[in-house]
PDB file of N, CA and C in Angstrom:
ATOM      1  N   ALA A   1       9.386  36.953  33.960  1.00  0.00           N
ATOM      2  CA  ALA A   1       8.056  37.354  34.179  1.00  0.00           C
ATOM      3  C   ALA A   1       7.684  37.749  32.685  1.00  0.00           C
ATOM      4  N   LYS A   2       6.223  37.462  32.665  1.00  0.00           N
ATOM      5  CA  LYS A   2       5.451  38.102  31.373  1.00  0.00           C
ATOM      6  C   LYS A   2       5.106  39.748  31.483  1.00  0.00           C
ATOM      7  N   PRO A   3       5.057  40.118  30.279  1.00  0.00           N
ATOM      8  CA  PRO A   3       4.536  41.484  30.418  1.00  0.00           C
ATOM      9  C   PRO A   3       3.155  41.736  31.105  1.00  0.00           C
ATOM     10  N   THR A   4       2.838  42.843  31.959  1.00  0.00           N
ATOM     11  CA  THR A   4       1.637  43.149  32.170  1.00  0.00           C
ATOM     12  C   THR A   4       0.797  43.615  31.467  1.00  0.00           C
ATOM     13  N   ILE A   5      -0.508  42.923  31.691  1.00  0.00           N
ATOM     14  CA  ILE A   5      -1.555  43.196  30.623  1.00  0.00           C
ATOM     15  C   ILE A   5      -2.701  43.787  31.653  1.00  0.00           C
ATOM     16  N   SER A   6      -3.653  44.716  30.879  1.00  0.00           N
ATOM     17  CA  SER A   6      -4.792  45.028  31.483  1.00  0.00           C
ATOM     18  C   SER A   6      -5.835  44.637  32.087  1.00  0.00           C
ATOM     19  N   TYR A   7      -6.534  45.031  33.128  1.00  0.00           N
ATOM     20  CA  TYR A   7      -7.681  44.375  33.500  1.00  0.00           C
ATOM     21  C   TYR A   7      -8.801  44.110  32.524  1.00  0.00           C
ATOM     22  N   ASP A   8      -8.944  44.687  31.396  1.00  0.00           N
ATOM     23  CA  ASP A   8      -9.764  44.621  30.392  1.00  0.00           C
ATOM     24  C   ASP A   8      -9.482  43.101  29.455  1.00  0.00           C
ATOM     25  N   ASP A   9      -8.026  43.161  29.211  1.00  0.00           N
ATOM     26  CA  ASP A   9      -7.217  42.037  28.482  1.00  0.00           C
ATOM     27  C   ASP A   9      -7.660  40.683  29.748  1.00  0.00           C
ATOM     28  N   PHE A  10      -7.363  40.636  30.708  1.00  0.00           N
ATOM     29  CA  PHE A  10      -7.466  39.431  31.686  1.00  0.00           C
ATOM     30  C   PHE A  10      -8.995  39.233  31.824  1.00  0.00           C
ATOM     31  N   ALA A  11      -9.846  40.016  31.630  1.00  0.00           N
ATOM     32  CA  ALA A  11     -11.448  40.341  31.980  1.00  0.00           C
ATOM     33  C   ALA A  11     -12.010  39.183  30.686  1.00  0.00           C
ATOM     34  N   LYS A  12     -11.428  39.344  29.506  1.00  0.00           N
ATOM     35  CA  LYS A  12     -11.981  38.867  28.160  1.00  0.00           C
ATOM     36  C   LYS A  12     -11.619  37.170  28.490  1.00  0.00           C
ATOM     37  N   LEU A  13     -10.701  36.664  29.107  1.00  0.00           N
ATOM     38  CA  LEU A  13     -10.515  35.255  29.505  1.00  0.00           C
ATOM     39  C   LEU A  13     -11.795  34.414  30.033  1.00  0.00           C
ATOM     40  N   ASP A  14     -12.222  33.253  29.622  1.00  0.00           N
ATOM     41  CA  ASP A  14     -13.184  32.433  29.968  1.00  0.00           C
ATOM     42  C   ASP A  14     -12.848  31.015  30.794  1.00  0.00           C
ATOM     43  N   PHE A  15     -12.539  31.302  31.808  1.00  0.00           N
ATOM     44  CA  PHE A  15     -11.763  29.894  32.744  1.00  0.00           C
ATOM     45  C   PHE A  15     -13.209  29.153  33.120  1.00  0.00           C
ATOM     46  N   ARG A  16     -13.044  27.837  32.596  1.00  0.00           N
ATOM     47  CA  ARG A  16     -14.339  27.163  33.361  1.00  0.00           C
ATOM     48  C   ARG A  16     -13.814  26.168  33.997  1.00  0.00           C
ATOM     49  N   MET A  17     -14.546  25.369  34.420  1.00  0.00           N
ATOM     50  CA  MET A  17     -14.042  23.876  35.090  1.00  0.00           C
ATOM     51  C   MET A  17     -14.622  22.904  34.087  1.00  0.00           C
ATOM     52  N   GLY A  18     -13.859  21.681  33.754  1.00  0.00           N
ATOM     53  CA  GLY A  18     -14.256  20.989  32.931  1.00  0.00           C
ATOM     54  C   GLY A  18     -13.796  19.781  33.643  1.00  0.00           C
ATOM     55  N   LEU A  19     -14.331  18.569  32.993  1.00  0.00           N
ATOM     56  CA  LEU A  19     -14.023  17.235  33.423  1.00  0.00           C
ATOM     57  C   LEU A  19     -13.411  16.263  32.169  1.00  0.00           C
ATOM     58  N   ILE A  20     -12.399  15.663  32.653  1.00  0.00           N
ATOM     59  CA  ILE A  20     -11.906  15.024  31.461  1.00  0.00           C
ATOM     60  C   ILE A  20     -12.485  13.439  31.399  1.00  0.00           C
ATOM     61  N   LEU A  21     -13.158  13.197  30.114  1.00  0.00           N
ATOM     62  CA  LEU A  21     -13.796  12.205  30.075  1.00  0.00           C
ATOM     63  C   LEU A  21     -13.265  11.240  29.133  1.00  0.00           C
ATOM     64  N   SER A  22     -11.795  11.481  28.499  1.00  0.00           N
ATOM     65  CA  SER A  22     -10.960  10.701  27.755  1.00  0.00           C
ATOM     66  C   SER A  22      -9.760  11.102  27.595  1.00  0.00           C
ATOM     67  N   ALA A  23      -8.827  10.229  27.309  1.00  0.00           N
ATOM     68  CA  ALA A  23      -7.251  10.650  27.106  1.00  0.00           C
ATOM     69  C   ALA A  23      -6.580   9.717  26.368  1.00  0.00           C
ATOM     70  N   GLU A  24      -5.801  10.266  25.294  1.00  0.00           N
ATOM     71  CA  GLU A  24      -4.871   9.103  24.775  1.00  0.00           C
ATOM     72  C   GLU A  24      -3.906   9.953  24.122  1.00  0.00           C
ATOM     73  N   ARG A  25      -2.797   9.073  23.707  1.00  0.00           N
ATOM     74  CA  ARG A  25      -1.759   9.888  23.200  1.00  0.00           C
ATOM     75  C   ARG A  25      -1.852  10.431  21.825  1.00  0.00           C
ATOM     76  N   VAL A  26      -1.374  11.243  21.442  1.00  0.00           N
ATOM     77  CA  VAL A  26      -1.051  11.717  19.876  1.00  0.00           C
ATOM     78  C   VAL A  26      -0.229  10.989  19.282  1.00  0.00           C
ATOM     79  N   LYS A  27      -0.612  10.306  18.068  1.00  0.00           N
ATOM     80  CA  LYS A  27       0.358   9.411  17.333  1.00  0.00           C
ATOM     81  C   LYS A  27       1.535  10.424  17.044  1.00  0.00           C
ATOM     82  N   LYS A  28       2.652   9.855  17.076  1.00  0.00           N
ATOM     83  CA  LYS A  28       3.863  10.283  16.456  1.00  0.00           C
ATOM     84  C   LYS A  28       4.273  11.814  17.251  1.00  0.00           C
ATOM     85  N   SER A  29       3.935  11.795  18.659  1.00  0.00           N
ATOM     86  CA  SER A  29       4.277  12.801  19.183  1.00  0.00           C
ATOM     87  C   SER A  29       4.661  12.413  20.683  1.00  0.00           C
ATOM     88  N   GLU A  30       5.639  13.121  21.354  1.00  0.00           N
ATOM     89  CA  GLU A  30       6.072  12.496  22.325  1.00  0.00           C
ATOM     90  C   GLU A  30       5.257  13.405  23.696  1.00  0.00           C
ATOM     91  N   LYS A  31       4.816  14.370  23.486  1.00  0.00           N
ATOM     92  CA  LYS A  31       4.490  15.330  24.493  1.00  0.00           C
ATOM     93  C   LYS A  31       3.016  15.632  24.168  1.00  0.00           C
ATOM     94  N   LEU A  32       2.135  15.244  23.488  1.00  0.00           N
ATOM     95  CA  LEU A  32       0.602  15.811  23.265  1.00  0.00           C
ATOM     96  C   LEU A  32      -0.161  14.381  23.775  1.00  0.00           C
ATOM     97  N   LEU A  33      -1.034  15.216  24.732  1.00  0.00           N
ATOM     98  CA  LEU A  33      -2.216  13.892  24.920  1.00  0.00           C
ATOM     99  C   LEU A  33      -3.625  14.891  24.276  1.00  0.00           C
ATOM    100  N   ARG A  34      -4.402  14.040  23.824  1.00  0.00           N
ATOM    101  CA  ARG A  34      -5.563  14.426  23.215  1.00  0.00           C
ATOM    102  C   ARG A  34      -6.641  13.956  24.146  1.00  0.00           C
ATOM    103  N   LEU A  35      -7.283  15.271  24.640  1.00  0.00           N
ATOM    104  CA  LEU A  35      -8.342  15.114  25.875  1.00  0.00           C
ATOM    105  C   LEU A  35      -9.595  15.482  25.255  1.00  0.00           C
ATOM    106  N   GLN A  36     -10.859  14.842  25.859  1.00  0.00           N
ATOM    107  CA  GLN A  36     -11.990  15.268  25.359  1.00  0.00           C
ATOM    108  C   GLN A  36     -12.330  15.789  26.839  1.00  0.00           C
ATOM    109  N   VAL A  37     -12.764  17.021  26.634  1.00  0.00           N
ATOM    110  CA  VAL A  37     -13.477  17.447  28.221  1.00  0.00           C
ATOM    111  C   VAL A  37     -14.678  17.821  28.063  1.00  0.00           C
ATOM    112  N   ASP A  38     -15.350  17.716  29.187  1.00  0.00           N
ATOM    113  CA  ASP A  38     -16.949  18.295  29.396  1.00  0.00           C
ATOM    114  C   ASP A  38     -16.806  19.565  29.720  1.00  0.00           C
ATOM    115  N   LEU A  39     -17.354  20.462  29.080  1.00  0.00           N
ATOM    116  CA  LEU A  39     -17.277  21.954  29.884  1.00  0.00           C
ATOM    117  C   LEU A  39     -18.858  22.451  30.216  1.00  0.00           C
ATOM    118  N   GLY A  40     -19.496  21.509  30.314  1.00  0.00           N
ATOM    119  CA  GLY A  40     -20.995  21.540  31.020  1.00  0.00           C
ATOM    120  C   GLY A  40     -21.805  21.884  29.930  1.00  0.00           C
ATOM    121  N   TYR A  41     -21.518  23.022  29.062  1.00  0.00           N
ATOM    122  CA  TYR A  41     -22.509  23.449  27.923  1.00  0.00           C
ATOM    123  C   TYR A  41     -22.066  22.650  26.542  1.00  0.00           C
ATOM    124  N   GLU A  42     -20.943  22.121  26.967  1.00  0.00           N
ATOM    125  CA  GLU A  42     -20.630  21.322  25.567  1.00  0.00           C
ATOM    126  C   GLU A  42     -19.024  20.462  25.654  1.00  0.00           C
ATOM    127  N   GLN A  43     -19.020  19.464  24.773  1.00  0.00           N
ATOM    128  CA  GLN A  43     -17.447  18.847  25.100  1.00  0.00           C
ATOM    129  C   GLN A  43     -16.495  19.344  23.936  1.00  0.00           C
ATOM    130  N   ARG A  44     -15.419  19.527  24.380  1.00  0.00           N
ATOM    131  CA  ARG A  44     -14.316  19.850  23.532  1.00  0.00           C
ATOM    132  C   ARG A  44     -13.085  18.996  23.574  1.00  0.00           C
ATOM    133  N   GLN A  45     -12.253  19.119  22.308  1.00  0.00           N
ATOM    134  CA  GLN A  45     -11.176  18.291  22.093  1.00  0.00           C
ATOM    135  C   GLN A  45     -10.173  19.258  22.658  1.00  0.00           C
ATOM    136  N   ILE A  46      -9.184  18.974  23.611  1.00  0.00           N
ATOM    137  CA  ILE A  46      -8.027  19.754  23.929  1.00  0.00           C
ATOM    138  C   ILE A  46      -6.511  18.969  23.734  1.00  0.00           C
ATOM    139  N   LEU A  47      -5.787  19.540  23.166  1.00  0.00           N
ATOM    140  CA  LEU A  47      -4.461  18.670  22.955  1.00  0.00           C
ATOM    141  C   LEU A  47      -3.521  19.405  24.187  1.00  0.00           C
ATOM    142  N   ALA A  48      -2.968  18.765  24.782  1.00  0.00           N
ATOM    143  CA  ALA A  48      -2.340  19.483  25.995  1.00  0.00           C
ATOM    144  C   ALA A  48      -1.024  18.569  25.846  1.00  0.00           C
ATOM    145  N   GLY A  49       0.055  19.239  26.008  1.00  0.00           N
ATOM    146  CA  GLY A  49       1.620  18.902  26.025  1.00  0.00           C
ATOM    147  C   GLY A  49       2.186  18.411  27.446  1.00  0.00           C
ATOM    148  N   VAL A  50       1.465  17.395  27.715  1.00  0.00           N
ATOM    149  CA  VAL A  50       1.441  16.912  29.356  1.00  0.00           C
ATOM    150  C   VAL A  50       1.766  15.303  29.203  1.00  0.00           C
ATOM    151  N   ALA A  51       2.096  14.771  27.939  1.00  0.00           N
ATOM    152  CA  ALA A  51       2.371  13.139  28.166  1.00  0.00           C
ATOM    153  C   ALA A  51       3.560  13.023  28.629  1.00  0.00           C
ATOM    154  N   GLU A  52       4.690  13.886  29.267  1.00  0.00           N
ATOM    155  CA  GLU A  52       5.636  13.540  29.740  1.00  0.00           C
ATOM    156  C   GLU A  52       5.800  13.571  31.275  1.00  0.00           C
ATOM    157  N   HIS A  53       4.370  14.265  31.776  1.00  0.00           N
ATOM    158  CA  HIS A  53       4.061  14.367  32.982  1.00  0.00           C
ATOM    159  C   HIS A  53       3.079  13.342  33.536  1.00  0.00           C
ATOM    160  N   PHE A  54       2.067  12.903  32.601  1.00  0.00           N
ATOM    161  CA  PHE A  54       0.984  12.252  33.028  1.00  0.00           C
ATOM    162  C   PHE A  54       0.504  10.936  32.005  1.00  0.00           C
ATOM    163  N   GLU A  55       0.144   9.947  32.572  1.00  0.00           N
ATOM    164  CA  GLU A  55      -0.349   9.020  31.740  1.00  0.00           C
ATOM    165  C   GLU A  55      -1.722   9.087  31.467  1.00  0.00           C
ATOM    166  N   PRO A  56      -2.154   8.942  30.210  1.00  0.00           N
ATOM    167  CA  PRO A  56      -3.616   9.344  29.877  1.00  0.00           C
ATOM    168  C   PRO A  56      -4.634   8.670  30.944  1.00  0.00           C
ATOM    169  N   GLU A  57      -4.240   7.591  31.225  1.00  0.00           N
ATOM    170  CA  GLU A  57      -5.508   6.974  32.034  1.00  0.00           C
ATOM    171  C   GLU A  57      -5.653   7.509  33.604  1.00  0.00           C
ATOM    172  N   GLU A  58      -4.621   8.141  33.846  1.00  0.00           N
ATOM    173  CA  GLU A  58      -4.334   8.802  35.281  1.00  0.00           C
ATOM    174  C   GLU A  58      -5.355  10.186  35.170  1.00  0.00           C
ATOM    175  N   LEU A  59      -5.544  10.621  34.141  1.00  0.00           N
ATOM    176  CA  LEU A  59      -6.265  12.025  33.836  1.00  0.00           C
ATOM    177  C   LEU A  59      -7.779  11.551  33.809  1.00  0.00           C
ATOM    178  N   VAL A  60      -8.306  10.687  33.217  1.00  0.00           N
ATOM    179  CA  VAL A  60      -9.636  10.295  33.224  1.00  0.00           C
ATOM    180  C   VAL A  60     -10.740  10.246  34.350  1.00  0.00           C
ATOM    181  N   GLY A  61     -11.552  11.681  34.294  1.00  0.00           N
ATOM    182  CA  GLY A  61     -12.275  11.292  35.269  1.00  0.00           C
ATOM    183  C   GLY A  61     -11.743  12.735  36.292  1.00  0.00           C
ATOM    184  N   ARG A  62     -10.669  13.505  35.998  1.00  0.00           N
ATOM    185  CA  ARG A  62     -10.332  14.466  36.739  1.00  0.00           C
ATOM    186  C   ARG A  62     -10.874  15.936  36.112  1.00  0.00           C
ATOM    187  N   SER A  63     -10.939  16.749  37.405  1.00  0.00           N
ATOM    188  CA  SER A  63     -11.398  18.244  37.192  1.00  0.00           C
ATOM    189  C   SER A  63     -10.497  19.039  36.735  1.00  0.00           C
ATOM    190  N   VAL A  64     -10.516  19.821  35.779  1.00  0.00           N
ATOM    191  CA  VAL A  64      -9.744  20.448  35.255  1.00  0.00           C
ATOM    192  C   VAL A  64      -9.988  22.070  35.345  1.00  0.00           C
ATOM    193  N   VAL A  65      -9.354  23.165  34.998  1.00  0.00           N
ATOM    194  CA  VAL A  65      -9.501  24.276  34.754  1.00  0.00           C
ATOM    195  C   VAL A  65      -9.267  24.570  33.291  1.00  0.00           C
ATOM    196  N   ALA A  66     -10.164  25.007  32.430  1.00  0.00           N
ATOM    197  CA  ALA A  66      -9.836  25.408  31.250  1.00  0.00           C
ATOM    198  C   ALA A  66     -10.165  26.786  30.663  1.00  0.00           C
ATOM    199  N   VAL A  67      -9.034  27.491  29.702  1.00  0.00           N
ATOM    200  CA  VAL A  67      -9.524  28.211  28.975  1.00  0.00           C
ATOM    201  C   VAL A  67     -10.397  28.154  27.799  1.00  0.00           C
ATOM    202  N   ALA A  68     -11.847  28.649  27.963  1.00  0.00           N
ATOM    203  CA  ALA A  68     -12.644  28.076  27.101  1.00  0.00           C
ATOM    204  C   ALA A  68     -12.882  28.815  25.723  1.00  0.00           C
ATOM    205  N   ASN A  69     -12.465  30.186  25.962  1.00  0.00           N
ATOM    206  CA  ASN A  69     -12.756  30.988  24.700  1.00  0.00           C
ATOM    207  C   ASN A  69     -11.210  31.295  23.855  1.00  0.00           C
ATOM    208  N   LEU A  70     -10.388  30.153  24.072  1.00  0.00           N
ATOM    209  CA  LEU A  70      -9.305  30.609  23.333  1.00  0.00           C
ATOM    210  C   LEU A  70      -9.581  30.191  21.923  1.00  0.00           C
ATOM    211  N   ALA A  71      -8.980  30.800  20.690  1.00  0.00           N
ATOM    212  CA  ALA A  71      -9.199  30.481  19.411  1.00  0.00           C
ATOM    213  C   ALA A  71      -8.739  29.200  19.106  1.00  0.00           C
ATOM    214  N   PRO A  72      -9.629  28.129  18.570  1.00  0.00           N
ATOM    215  CA  PRO A  72      -8.490  26.698  17.909  1.00  0.00           C
ATOM    216  C   PRO A  72      -7.589  26.797  17.466  1.00  0.00           C
ATOM    217  N   ARG A  73      -6.726  25.769  17.466  1.00  0.00           N
ATOM    218  CA  ARG A  73      -5.136  25.888  17.040  1.00  0.00           C
ATOM    219  C   ARG A  73      -5.074  24.565  16.511  1.00  0.00           C
ATOM    220  N   LYS A  74      -4.491  24.360  15.280  1.00  0.00           N
ATOM    221  CA  LYS A  74      -3.933  23.008  14.988  1.00  0.00           C
ATOM    222  C   LYS A  74      -2.623  22.695  15.274  1.00  0.00           C
ATOM    223  N   MET A  75      -2.487  21.353  15.964  1.00  0.00           N
ATOM    224  CA  MET A  75      -1.381  20.908  16.141  1.00  0.00           C
ATOM    225  C   MET A  75      -1.305  19.442  15.728  1.00  0.00           C
ATOM    226  N   MET A  76      -0.091  19.002  15.186  1.00  0.00           N
ATOM    227  CA  MET A  76      -0.117  17.515  14.672  1.00  0.00           C
ATOM    228  C   MET A  76      -1.328  17.112  13.885  1.00  0.00           C
ATOM    229  N   GLY A  77      -1.736  18.098  13.333  1.00  0.00           N
ATOM    230  CA  GLY A  77      -3.151  17.792  12.120  1.00  0.00           C
ATOM    231  C   GLY A  77      -4.182  17.518  12.985  1.00  0.00           C
ATOM    232  N   LEU A  78      -4.162  17.970  14.358  1.00  0.00           N
ATOM    233  CA  LEU A  78      -5.855  18.043  15.243  1.00  0.00           C
ATOM    234  C   LEU A  78      -6.031  19.304  15.611  1.00  0.00           C
ATOM    235  N   GLU A  79      -7.295  19.558  15.558  1.00  0.00           N
ATOM    236  CA  GLU A  79      -7.617  21.112  16.354  1.00  0.00           C
ATOM    237  C   GLU A  79      -7.809  20.627  18.073  1.00  0.00           C
ATOM    238  N   SER A  80      -7.118  21.822  18.842  1.00  0.00           N
ATOM    239  CA  SER A  80      -7.424  22.147  19.912  1.00  0.00           C
ATOM    240  C   SER A  80      -8.159  23.115  20.105  1.00  0.00           C
ATOM    241  N   GLN A  81      -9.129  22.769  21.154  1.00  0.00           N
ATOM    242  CA  GLN A  81     -10.173  23.741  21.055  1.00  0.00           C
ATOM    243  C   GLN A  81     -10.264  24.331  22.573  1.00  0.00           C
ATOM    244  N   GLY A  82      -8.926  24.437  23.261  1.00  0.00           N
ATOM    245  CA  GLY A  82      -8.590  25.117  24.497  1.00  0.00           C
ATOM    246  C   GLY A  82      -7.318  24.793  25.106  1.00  0.00           C
ATOM    247  N   MET A  83      -7.487  25.324  26.515  1.00  0.00           N
ATOM    248  CA  MET A  83      -6.143  24.938  27.122  1.00  0.00           C
ATOM    249  C   MET A  83      -6.541  24.713  28.455  1.00  0.00           C
ATOM    250  N   LEU A  84      -5.652  23.937  29.085  1.00  0.00           N
ATOM    251  CA  LEU A  84      -5.775  23.547  30.513  1.00  0.00           C
ATOM    252  C   LEU A  84      -4.729  24.357  31.312  1.00  0.00           C
ATOM    253  N   LEU A  85      -5.224  24.632  32.428  1.00  0.00           N
ATOM    254  CA  LEU A  85      -4.131  25.461  33.325  1.00  0.00           C
ATOM    255  C   LEU A  85      -3.742  24.475  34.432  1.00  0.00           C
ATOM    256  N   MET A  86      -2.460  24.779  34.375  1.00  0.00           N
ATOM    257  CA  MET A  86      -1.628  23.618  35.289  1.00  0.00           C
ATOM    258  C   MET A  86      -0.715  24.421  36.362  1.00  0.00           C
ATOM    259  N   ALA A  87      -0.144  24.016  37.137  1.00  0.00           N
ATOM    260  CA  ALA A  87       0.811  24.558  37.957  1.00  0.00           C
ATOM    261  C   ALA A  87       2.079  24.014  38.014  1.00  0.00           C
ATOM    262  N   GLU A  88       3.298  24.610  37.827  1.00  0.00           N
ATOM    263  CA  GLU A  88       4.599  24.075  37.778  1.00  0.00           C
ATOM    264  C   GLU A  88       5.399  24.341  38.810  1.00  0.00           C
ATOM    265  N   ASP A  89       6.253  23.294  39.578  1.00  0.00           N
ATOM    266  CA  ASP A  89       6.792  23.732  40.652  1.00  0.00           C
ATOM    267  C   ASP A  89       8.617  23.725  40.444  1.00  0.00           C
ATOM    268  N   ARG A  90       8.977  24.019  41.092  1.00  0.00           N
ATOM    269  CA  ARG A  90      10.586  24.644  40.763  1.00  0.00           C
ATOM    270  C   ARG A  90      11.390  23.453  39.997  1.00  0.00           C
ATOM    271  N   GLU A  91      11.196  22.099  40.204  1.00  0.00           N
ATOM    272  CA  GLU A  91      11.617  21.239  39.494  1.00  0.00           C
ATOM    273  C   GLU A  91      10.839  20.598  38.277  1.00  0.00           C
ATOM    274  N   GLY A  92       9.978  21.365  37.889  1.00  0.00           N
ATOM    275  CA  GLY A  92       9.559  21.115  36.477  1.00  0.00           C
ATOM    276  C   GLY A  92       8.170  20.297  36.456  1.00  0.00           C
ATOM    277  N   HIS A  93       7.766  19.755  37.637  1.00  0.00           N
ATOM    278  CA  HIS A  93       6.876  18.903  37.696  1.00  0.00           C
ATOM    279  C   HIS A  93       5.392  19.579  37.546  1.00  0.00           C
ATOM    280  N   LEU A  94       4.330  18.980  37.000  1.00  0.00           N
ATOM    281  CA  LEU A  94       3.103  19.961  36.425  1.00  0.00           C
ATOM    282  C   LEU A  94       1.947  18.986  37.585  1.00  0.00           C
ATOM    283  N   ALA A  95       1.173  19.827  37.895  1.00  0.00           N
ATOM    284  CA  ALA A  95      -0.232  19.413  38.953  1.00  0.00           C
ATOM    285  C   ALA A  95      -1.296  20.023  38.213  1.00  0.00           C
ATOM    286  N   LEU A  96      -2.325  19.591  38.123  1.00  0.00           N
ATOM    287  CA  LEU A  96      -3.653  20.102  37.745  1.00  0.00           C
ATOM    288  C   LEU A  96      -4.219  21.071  38.717  1.00  0.00           C
ATOM    289  N   ILE A  97      -4.837  21.830  38.097  1.00  0.00           N
ATOM    290  CA  ILE A  97      -5.393  22.963  38.952  1.00  0.00           C
ATOM    291  C   ILE A  97      -6.762  22.422  39.211  1.00  0.00           C
ATOM    292  N   SER A  98      -7.577  22.022  40.290  1.00  0.00           N
ATOM    293  CA  SER A  98      -8.657  21.325  40.304  1.00  0.00           C
ATOM    294  C   SER A  98      -9.498  21.620  41.100  1.00  0.00           C
ATOM    295  N   SER A  99     -10.787  21.288  41.060  1.00  0.00           N
ATOM    296  CA  SER A  99     -11.882  21.865  42.055  1.00  0.00           C
ATOM    297  C   SER A  99     -12.714  20.773  41.832  1.00  0.00           C
ATOM    298  N   GLU A 100     -13.957  20.811  42.806  1.00  0.00           N
ATOM    299  CA  GLU A 100     -14.898  19.970  43.224  1.00  0.00           C
ATOM    300  C   GLU A 100     -16.533  20.308  42.371  1.00  0.00           C
ATOM    301  N   SER A 101     -16.269  21.771  41.788  1.00  0.00           N
ATOM    302  CA  SER A 101     -17.086  22.272  41.082  1.00  0.00           C
ATOM    303  C   SER A 101     -17.558  21.602  39.765  1.00  0.00           C
ATOM    304  N   GLU A 102     -18.637  21.307  39.590  1.00  0.00           N
ATOM    305  CA  GLU A 102     -19.392  20.877  38.272  1.00  0.00           C
ATOM    306  C   GLU A 102     -18.764  21.406  37.094  1.00  0.00           C
ATOM    307  N   PRO A 103     -18.814  20.644  36.032  1.00  0.00           N
ATOM    308  CA  PRO A 103     -18.264  21.078  34.695  1.00  0.00           C
ATOM    309  C   PRO A 103     -19.043  22.334  34.136  1.00  0.00           C
ATOM    310  N   GLY A 104     -18.510  23.257  33.627  1.00  0.00           N
ATOM    311  CA  GLY A 104     -19.107  24.652  33.338  1.00  0.00           C
ATOM    312  C   GLY A 104     -19.256  25.633  34.013  1.00  0.00           C
ATOM    313  N   ALA A 105     -18.936  25.363  35.507  1.00  0.00           N
ATOM    314  CA  ALA A 105     -18.794  26.536  36.141  1.00  0.00           C
ATOM    315  C   ALA A 105     -17.630  27.419  36.116  1.00  0.00           C
ATOM    316  N   ILE A 106     -18.178  28.590  36.464  1.00  0.00           N
ATOM    317  CA  ILE A 106     -16.918  29.947  35.919  1.00  0.00           C
ATOM    318  C   ILE A 106     -15.998  30.254  36.860  1.00  0.00           C
ATOM    319  N   VAL A 107     -14.724  30.107  36.573  1.00  0.00           N
ATOM    320  CA  VAL A 107     -13.735  30.117  37.256  1.00  0.00           C
ATOM    321  C   VAL A 107     -13.475  31.699  37.608  1.00  0.00           C
ATOM    322  N   CYS A 108     -13.642  32.474  38.609  1.00  0.00           N
ATOM    323  CA  CYS A 108     -13.186  33.981  38.913  1.00  0.00           C
ATOM    324  C   CYS A 108     -12.607  34.273  39.813  1.00  0.00           C
TER     325      CYS A 108
END
């Protein structure tokens, strides 16, 4: 388990519904996919280490939950402008956390 955080720290996180518009493998990476995600108020490039679990084409058009106010981070020379939330089962399989909500909807 991870350390306990305060309510105030949790409240700083901005979870938003997003729609994956495009997905492609990152060259020279076995794990990363480069996603373009519509967050309702803007589009973001998000790099996700999920290439071992999903083919790019199966993610396009899917709804996802994204952390929208995470500081940008460079990976493999590309900037990631957020992070997706996923669920992992006991066998290590990943599943998207999804909803029929429109892009940009606040997740609370």
